[in-house]
Amino acid sequence: MINKPMNEFPLLNASDGVPLFYPHLPDGAISEVSDTLSGRWIGQGPKVDLFEKQFRSKFLGEHEALAVGSGTDALHLAYLMAGIKPGDEVIVPVFTCTATNLPLLYIGAKPVFTDIDPETMNIDVDDIKKRITSKTKAIVCVDYGGVPSNYRELHKICADSNLKLISDAAHAIGTKYNNIYSAQIADYTIFSFQAIKTITTGDGGMLAIRDKSLLSLGKRLRWFGIDREAKQGGIWENDILELGYKYQMNDIAASLGLAAMKTIDSVISYRNSLFKAYEERLANNKDVRIIGKSSTGVYFNSAWLITIVVEKNRTDLMKKLRDHGIESAQVHYRNDRYTIFGGRKDDLPNMDLIEDKYLVLPLHTKMGIEHIDNICNVIKSGW
């Protein structure tokens, strides 16, 4: 059974309904931001450096860390640093936030949509193999909801075909595969610190880089192509060689990140316990099944989302939940339904099968056992 919530997680009144998302800001956030505002650095400064250091030490192993303004910024930089050029093909999941795939269009590359694994809604590794061509340069996977992708097979496919592996871990701070943080597996891994993510900096992101020699390039690309360290030393002879961007994180955002790092283990543990509570209460319900699992011998789910597959009339269930003050939604959609990506594909049968059935339920640190009981009782009463 789920443990009672810890004091650091004040809960919403169970009778007031349950929002789908709620930002998590630890108690230390206000004092950390206040300290920043009282000093001389509010743009990119020492707290960005410290946040990078702490995040790397906790999650990244030997990978380097580059803090940026959003997860989308991190993806764009990852694609550039992976050498993706106009006309290149990149294999991507069809089911994800559009932020995964839009930066490929910035570059002029072609996203090649791949079907999903219906048990996890992650990329289907068997379908990938059929889509590799001489133009393929990389594979992008998404750890949907916090459930890790099949990294063993992805690593093998990339090694066999000489491809870069890029992990969109926007949902997956704290996710593990084979008992190591999944951020330590791919060539590039990105994280999102958007408002409702496990760690929030208001908005923000982090790029993990396997090849240490590329860190200096990444720093230049996030700041107009300028070597800031050389500039701060008063050396103006250094040229701008790369087309850079304004993708840096600032110290105000990093302050929120530093506060979050102090409680990150308890936050991830608590979210996972909420996921397990859903599993217990919906285990024998024939009308719904849960996407992914809280943990197995292979992986640990950091539980940013809880998603169910509804076997009969999703719309009616959403209405019943709403009538009881409970929010639910799809959150993400198949990307091929957007005109910008060229229109709907007809070779994605798993996505077709689940498209009208999946539903995201509330899971956040403002919830406790009473909220889970209420939601599951509504579901179990039928619709």
Protein backbone atom coordinates (compact mmCIF):
# COMPACT_ATOMS: atom_id res chain seq x y z
CA MET A 1 0.00 0.00 0.00
CA ILE A 2 1.01 3.61 -0.53
CA ASN A 3 2.74 5.41 2.32
CA LYS A 4 1.14 8.55 3.71
CA PRO A 5 2.41 11.73 2.06
CA MET A 6 5.43 13.41 3.60
CA ASN A 7 5.10 16.85 5.20
CA GLU A 8 6.98 18.50 2.32
CA PHE A 9 4.06 17.67 0.02
CA PRO A 10 1.01 19.64 1.20
CA LEU A 11 -2.06 18.13 -0.45
CA LEU A 12 -5.13 19.53 -2.16
CA ASN A 13 -8.43 19.04 -0.38
CA ALA A 14 -9.81 15.75 -1.69
CA SER A 15 -13.31 17.23 -1.95
CA ASP A 16 -12.19 20.04 -4.27
CA GLY A 17 -11.54 17.83 -7.30
CA VAL A 18 -8.24 16.82 -8.85
CA PRO A 19 -6.40 18.80 -11.55
CA LEU A 20 -4.47 16.80 -14.13
CA PHE A 21 -1.18 18.62 -13.40
CA TYR A 22 0.16 20.74 -10.55
CA PRO A 23 3.65 22.30 -10.35
CA HIS A 24 5.94 20.99 -7.61
CA LEU A 25 7.98 23.71 -5.92
CA PRO A 26 9.95 22.61 -2.83
CA ASP A 27 10.03 24.71 0.33
CA GLY A 28 13.53 25.99 -0.43
CA ALA A 29 12.58 27.48 -3.80
CA ILE A 30 11.63 30.94 -2.53
CA SER A 31 14.78 31.41 -0.45
CA GLU A 32 17.00 30.14 -3.28
CA VAL A 33 15.45 32.56 -5.78
CA SER A 34 15.57 35.40 -3.24
CA ASP A 35 19.28 34.77 -2.75
CA THR A 36 19.79 35.06 -6.51
CA LEU A 37 17.75 38.25 -6.78
CA SER A 38 19.80 39.85 -4.03
CA GLY A 39 23.08 39.28 -5.90
CA ARG A 40 24.62 40.54 -9.12
CA TRP A 41 23.86 37.50 -11.33
CA ILE A 42 20.33 36.92 -12.59
CA GLY A 43 21.29 35.93 -16.15
CA GLN A 44 23.55 32.96 -16.90
CA GLY A 45 25.99 32.86 -14.01
CA PRO A 46 27.39 30.71 -11.19
CA LYS A 47 24.08 29.08 -10.27
CA VAL A 48 23.70 27.70 -13.78
CA ASP A 49 27.17 26.18 -13.41
CA LEU A 50 26.26 24.73 -10.00
CA PHE A 51 22.96 23.29 -11.22
CA GLU A 52 24.76 21.61 -14.13
CA LYS A 53 27.31 20.16 -11.71
CA GLN A 54 24.71 18.80 -9.30
CA PHE A 55 22.48 17.38 -12.04
CA ARG A 56 25.44 15.71 -13.69
CA SER A 57 26.65 14.22 -10.41
CA LYS A 58 23.22 12.81 -9.63
CA PHE A 59 22.01 11.52 -13.00
CA LEU A 60 24.57 11.66 -15.79
CA GLY A 61 27.59 9.59 -14.77
CA GLU A 62 30.44 10.48 -17.15
CA HIS A 63 28.23 12.48 -19.51
CA GLU A 64 28.57 16.26 -19.62
CA ALA A 65 25.69 18.59 -18.73
CA LEU A 66 24.55 21.70 -20.58
CA ALA A 67 21.69 23.75 -19.07
CA VAL A 68 19.45 25.51 -21.59
CA GLY A 69 16.23 27.50 -21.82
CA SER A 70 13.91 24.57 -22.63
CA GLY A 71 13.82 20.91 -23.51
CA THR A 72 13.17 21.96 -27.11
CA ASP A 73 16.39 23.99 -27.07
CA ALA A 74 18.22 20.90 -25.84
CA LEU A 75 16.77 18.77 -28.65
CA HIS A 76 17.76 21.28 -31.31
CA LEU A 77 21.31 21.40 -29.97
CA ALA A 78 21.46 17.60 -29.77
CA TYR A 79 20.43 17.29 -33.42
CA LEU A 80 22.99 19.88 -34.49
CA MET A 81 25.79 18.30 -32.45
CA ALA A 82 24.90 14.87 -33.81
CA GLY A 83 25.72 16.21 -37.28
CA ILE A 84 22.19 16.06 -38.69
CA LYS A 85 22.00 18.07 -41.90
CA PRO A 86 19.30 19.16 -44.38
CA GLY A 87 17.92 16.14 -46.23
CA ASP A 88 19.02 13.62 -43.57
CA GLU A 89 16.45 11.18 -42.23
CA VAL A 90 15.93 10.69 -38.50
CA ILE A 91 13.80 7.86 -37.14
CA VAL A 92 11.40 9.17 -34.50
CA PRO A 93 8.33 7.98 -32.58
CA VAL A 94 5.02 9.10 -34.03
CA PHE A 95 3.61 9.49 -30.51
CA THR A 96 5.30 12.29 -28.59
CA CYS A 97 5.17 16.01 -27.91
CA THR A 98 5.73 17.95 -31.14
CA ALA A 99 8.85 19.40 -29.49
CA THR A 100 10.63 16.11 -30.24
CA ASN A 101 10.24 16.53 -33.97
CA LEU A 102 9.89 20.24 -34.74
CA PRO A 103 13.63 20.99 -34.33
CA LEU A 104 14.35 18.52 -37.13
CA LEU A 105 12.30 20.77 -39.39
CA TYR A 106 14.37 23.76 -38.25
CA ILE A 107 17.37 21.95 -39.71
CA GLY A 108 15.63 20.74 -42.86
CA ALA A 109 15.91 17.08 -41.86
CA LYS A 110 13.11 14.56 -42.38
CA PRO A 111 11.40 12.89 -39.39
CA VAL A 112 10.60 9.26 -40.26
CA PHE A 113 7.70 8.21 -38.07
CA THR A 114 7.83 4.83 -36.36
CA ASP A 115 5.04 2.89 -34.68
CA ILE A 116 4.64 2.50 -30.92
CA ASP A 117 4.92 -0.42 -28.55
CA PRO A 118 1.29 -0.75 -27.34
CA GLU A 119 2.41 -1.80 -23.85
CA THR A 120 4.49 1.33 -23.19
CA MET A 121 3.68 3.78 -26.02
CA ASN A 122 7.44 4.08 -26.54
CA ILE A 123 9.05 3.54 -29.95
CA ASP A 124 8.62 0.05 -31.42
CA VAL A 125 12.14 -1.32 -31.90
CA ASP A 126 11.01 -3.93 -34.43
CA ASP A 127 9.45 -1.26 -36.64
CA ILE A 128 12.65 0.82 -36.58
CA LYS A 129 14.61 -1.78 -38.50
CA LYS A 130 12.27 -1.54 -41.50
CA ARG A 131 12.75 2.21 -41.79
CA ILE A 132 16.53 2.54 -41.87
CA THR A 133 17.89 3.76 -45.22
CA SER A 134 21.18 5.14 -46.50
CA LYS A 135 19.92 8.60 -45.49
CA THR A 136 19.26 7.68 -41.85
CA LYS A 137 21.56 9.52 -39.43
CA ALA A 138 20.01 8.98 -35.99
CA ILE A 139 17.28 7.35 -33.94
CA VAL A 140 15.30 9.37 -31.41
CA CYS A 141 13.48 7.60 -28.59
CA VAL A 142 11.10 9.03 -26.00
CA ASP A 143 10.71 7.58 -22.50
CA TYR A 144 6.97 8.18 -22.40
CA GLY A 145 5.59 9.02 -18.98
CA GLY A 146 8.86 7.98 -17.34
CA VAL A 147 8.98 4.42 -18.70
CA PRO A 148 12.38 3.73 -20.32
CA SER A 149 12.64 2.67 -23.93
CA ASN A 150 14.19 -0.67 -24.91
CA TYR A 151 17.74 0.68 -24.74
CA ARG A 152 19.41 -2.69 -25.19
CA GLU A 153 17.85 -3.14 -28.63
CA LEU A 154 18.20 0.54 -29.54
CA HIS A 155 21.90 0.47 -28.72
CA LYS A 156 22.37 -2.65 -30.85
CA ILE A 157 20.50 -1.17 -33.83
CA CYS A 158 22.53 2.04 -33.67
CA ALA A 159 25.81 0.16 -33.38
CA ASP A 160 24.97 -2.12 -36.32
CA SER A 161 23.98 0.80 -38.57
CA ASN A 162 26.42 3.44 -37.30
CA LEU A 163 23.66 5.74 -36.08
CA LYS A 164 23.51 8.23 -33.23
CA LEU A 165 21.03 7.52 -30.43
CA ILE A 166 19.23 10.57 -29.02
CA SER A 167 16.96 10.15 -26.01
CA ASP A 168 14.12 12.55 -25.33
CA ALA A 169 13.80 12.10 -21.57
CA ALA A 170 11.55 15.14 -21.05
CA HIS A 171 9.24 12.90 -18.99
CA ALA A 172 11.95 10.80 -17.42
CA ILE A 173 14.04 12.48 -14.74
CA GLY A 174 15.11 9.58 -12.52
CA THR A 175 14.13 6.79 -14.92
CA LYS A 176 16.44 3.75 -14.81
CA TYR A 177 17.22 0.96 -17.25
CA ASN A 178 19.12 -2.11 -16.02
CA ASN A 179 19.59 -0.30 -12.70
CA ILE A 180 21.39 2.75 -14.11
CA TYR A 181 19.93 6.12 -14.93
CA SER A 182 18.82 5.99 -18.55
CA ALA A 183 20.52 9.37 -19.14
CA GLN A 184 23.82 7.50 -19.17
CA ILE A 185 22.99 5.34 -22.22
CA ALA A 186 22.38 7.46 -25.34
CA ASP A 187 24.81 9.69 -27.21
CA TYR A 188 22.61 12.64 -26.28
CA THR A 189 19.83 12.81 -23.70
CA ILE A 190 17.57 15.78 -23.10
CA PHE A 191 15.48 16.74 -20.08
CA SER A 192 12.68 19.26 -19.66
CA PHE A 193 12.16 21.50 -16.62
CA GLN A 194 8.93 22.99 -17.97
CA ALA A 195 6.34 24.13 -15.41
CA ILE A 196 4.73 20.77 -14.63
CA LYS A 197 7.72 18.43 -15.00
CA THR A 198 9.25 16.48 -12.10
CA ILE A 199 11.81 19.28 -11.70
CA THR A 200 10.59 22.70 -12.78
CA THR A 201 12.63 25.83 -13.36
CA GLY A 202 9.57 27.64 -14.75
CA ASP A 203 10.87 26.57 -18.11
CA GLY A 204 14.25 25.11 -18.92
CA GLY A 205 16.10 22.03 -20.03
CA MET A 206 19.32 20.04 -19.81
CA LEU A 207 21.37 18.31 -22.50
CA ALA A 208 23.53 15.32 -21.53
CA ILE A 209 26.46 14.77 -23.91
CA ARG A 210 28.42 11.51 -24.09
CA ASP A 211 31.40 12.89 -26.06
CA LYS A 212 33.16 15.26 -23.66
CA SER A 213 35.04 16.95 -26.48
CA LEU A 214 31.74 18.41 -27.73
CA LEU A 215 30.93 20.34 -24.55
CA SER A 216 32.73 23.50 -25.67
CA LEU A 217 30.82 23.38 -28.97
CA GLY A 218 27.55 23.04 -27.06
CA LYS A 219 28.40 26.04 -24.90
CA ARG A 220 29.08 28.14 -27.98
CA LEU A 221 25.92 27.02 -29.76
CA ARG A 222 23.74 28.00 -26.79
CA TRP A 223 25.24 31.54 -26.71
CA PHE A 224 25.29 33.03 -30.23
CA GLY A 225 28.35 30.98 -31.23
CA ILE A 226 30.45 33.01 -28.77
CA ASP A 227 33.08 31.54 -26.45
CA ARG A 228 31.82 33.27 -23.29
CA GLU A 229 34.82 32.32 -21.18
CA ALA A 230 37.17 33.90 -23.66
CA LYS A 231 34.93 36.93 -23.95
CA GLN A 232 34.79 37.41 -20.19
CA GLY A 233 38.58 37.31 -20.17
CA GLY A 234 38.60 40.34 -22.42
CA ILE A 235 39.82 38.49 -25.50
CA TRP A 236 38.02 39.85 -28.55
CA GLU A 237 40.21 38.18 -31.12
CA ASN A 238 38.15 34.98 -30.93
CA ASP A 239 36.00 34.57 -34.02
CA ILE A 240 32.42 33.28 -34.31
CA LEU A 241 32.58 30.12 -36.41
CA GLU A 242 29.23 28.45 -35.76
CA LEU A 243 25.67 29.70 -36.16
CA GLY A 244 24.70 30.00 -32.51
CA TYR A 245 21.43 30.57 -30.66
CA LYS A 246 20.19 32.19 -27.46
CA TYR A 247 19.46 28.98 -25.61
CA GLN A 248 21.11 29.54 -22.24
CA MET A 249 19.50 29.00 -18.83
CA ASN A 250 19.58 31.91 -16.35
CA ASP A 251 20.43 31.93 -12.65
CA ILE A 252 16.84 32.58 -11.55
CA ALA A 253 15.72 29.38 -13.27
CA ALA A 254 18.79 27.52 -12.01
CA SER A 255 17.86 28.58 -8.45
CA LEU A 256 14.61 26.64 -8.76
CA GLY A 257 16.59 23.69 -10.11
CA LEU A 258 19.00 23.78 -7.17
CA ALA A 259 16.12 23.81 -4.71
CA ALA A 260 14.53 20.87 -6.50
CA MET A 261 17.72 18.81 -6.37
CA LYS A 262 17.55 18.80 -2.56
CA THR A 263 14.31 16.78 -2.57
CA ILE A 264 14.45 15.03 -5.93
CA ASP A 265 14.78 11.48 -4.54
CA SER A 266 11.70 11.84 -2.34
CA VAL A 267 9.71 13.43 -5.18
CA ILE A 268 10.50 10.58 -7.59
CA SER A 269 9.80 7.97 -4.92
CA TYR A 270 6.48 9.59 -4.06
CA ARG A 271 5.38 9.82 -7.69
CA ASN A 272 6.26 6.15 -8.16
CA SER A 273 4.24 5.22 -5.09
CA LEU A 274 1.22 7.03 -6.55
CA PHE A 275 1.67 5.04 -9.76
CA LYS A 276 1.76 1.81 -7.73
CA ALA A 277 -1.44 2.82 -5.93
CA TYR A 278 -3.20 3.16 -9.27
CA GLU A 279 -1.83 -0.26 -10.27
CA GLU A 280 -3.22 -1.88 -7.12
CA ARG A 281 -6.65 -0.34 -7.43
CA LEU A 282 -7.14 -0.94 -11.17
CA ALA A 283 -5.40 -4.30 -11.39
CA ASN A 284 -8.51 -6.40 -12.04
CA ASN A 285 -10.57 -3.91 -14.00
CA LYS A 286 -11.42 -5.32 -17.42
CA ASP A 287 -12.37 -1.93 -18.86
CA VAL A 288 -8.96 -0.26 -18.47
CA ARG A 289 -5.30 -1.20 -18.45
CA ILE A 290 -2.30 0.86 -17.38
CA ILE A 291 0.46 1.74 -19.82
CA GLY A 292 3.85 0.59 -18.48
CA LYS A 293 4.59 -0.66 -14.98
CA SER A 294 5.93 1.02 -11.85
CA SER A 295 9.06 -1.13 -11.96
CA THR A 296 10.33 -4.47 -13.26
CA GLY A 297 13.62 -6.31 -13.14
CA VAL A 298 14.74 -4.26 -16.16
CA TYR A 299 13.54 -0.74 -15.47
CA PHE A 300 12.39 1.84 -12.96
CA ASN A 301 9.54 4.14 -13.99
CA SER A 302 10.01 7.70 -12.67
CA ALA A 303 6.26 8.16 -13.12
CA TRP A 304 5.67 11.55 -14.63
CA LEU A 305 2.37 10.34 -16.11
CA ILE A 306 -0.15 7.61 -15.48
CA THR A 307 -1.84 6.61 -18.74
CA ILE A 308 -4.64 4.11 -19.13
CA VAL A 309 -6.08 2.39 -22.20
CA VAL A 310 -9.87 2.60 -22.08
CA GLU A 311 -11.52 -0.38 -23.74
CA LYS A 312 -14.95 1.25 -24.10
CA ASN A 313 -15.83 4.83 -25.00
CA ARG A 314 -13.05 7.08 -23.72
CA THR A 315 -15.20 10.19 -24.15
CA ASP A 316 -17.86 8.91 -21.77
CA LEU A 317 -15.24 8.12 -19.12
CA MET A 318 -13.71 11.59 -19.48
CA LYS A 319 -17.16 13.13 -18.99
CA LYS A 320 -17.85 11.04 -15.90
CA LEU A 321 -14.49 11.95 -14.39
CA ARG A 322 -15.12 15.63 -15.17
CA ASP A 323 -18.55 15.42 -13.49
CA HIS A 324 -16.68 14.31 -10.35
CA GLY A 325 -14.18 17.17 -10.56
CA ILE A 326 -11.37 15.01 -11.99
CA GLU A 327 -9.40 16.27 -14.97
CA SER A 328 -8.13 13.91 -17.68
CA ALA A 329 -6.76 14.39 -21.20
CA GLN A 330 -4.68 12.87 -24.00
CA VAL A 331 -1.80 15.37 -23.42
CA HIS A 332 0.18 14.20 -26.50
CA TYR A 333 -1.06 13.16 -29.93
CA ARG A 334 0.30 11.25 -32.87
CA ASN A 335 2.47 13.77 -34.69
CA ASP A 336 1.51 12.62 -38.18
CA ARG A 337 -1.94 14.15 -37.74
CA TYR A 338 -0.34 17.62 -37.95
CA THR A 339 -0.07 19.14 -41.42
CA ILE A 340 3.42 20.51 -40.67
CA PHE A 341 4.71 16.91 -40.63
CA GLY A 342 3.14 15.94 -43.92
CA GLY A 343 -0.13 14.32 -42.87
CA ARG A 344 -1.36 11.05 -41.46
CA LYS A 345 0.55 7.84 -42.26
CA ASP A 346 -1.15 4.55 -43.05
CA ASP A 347 1.56 2.15 -41.84
CA LEU A 348 1.36 2.59 -38.05
CA PRO A 349 -1.11 -0.11 -36.94
CA ASN A 350 -0.32 -0.04 -33.21
CA MET A 351 -0.86 3.71 -33.08
CA ASP A 352 -4.08 3.30 -35.05
CA LEU A 353 -5.31 0.70 -32.57
CA ILE A 354 -4.71 2.78 -29.46
CA GLU A 355 -5.33 6.29 -30.80
CA ASP A 356 -8.90 6.60 -29.52
CA LYS A 357 -8.34 4.71 -26.28
CA TYR A 358 -5.50 6.22 -24.24
CA LEU A 359 -6.19 8.65 -21.39
CA VAL A 360 -3.91 10.43 -18.91
CA LEU A 361 -5.07 10.62 -15.27
CA PRO A 362 -3.83 12.98 -12.53
CA LEU A 363 -0.47 12.19 -10.90
CA HIS A 364 1.41 14.87 -8.96
CA THR A 365 2.68 15.69 -5.49
CA LYS A 366 -0.49 17.57 -4.49
CA MET A 367 -2.30 14.21 -4.50
CA GLY A 368 -2.60 11.61 -1.75
CA ILE A 369 -4.29 8.29 -1.17
CA GLU A 370 -7.76 9.81 -0.91
CA HIS A 371 -7.42 11.28 -4.38
CA ILE A 372 -6.31 7.96 -5.87
CA ASP A 373 -9.17 6.14 -4.15
CA ASN A 374 -11.68 8.68 -5.45
CA ILE A 375 -10.44 8.49 -9.05
CA CYS A 376 -10.29 4.71 -9.11
CA ASN A 377 -13.70 4.34 -7.48
CA VAL A 378 -15.22 6.53 -10.19
CA ILE A 379 -13.57 4.36 -12.85
CA LYS A 380 -14.60 1.10 -11.20
CA SER A 381 -18.24 2.25 -10.91
CA GLY A 382 -18.51 2.16 -14.71
CA TRP A 383 -19.59 4.68 -17.36
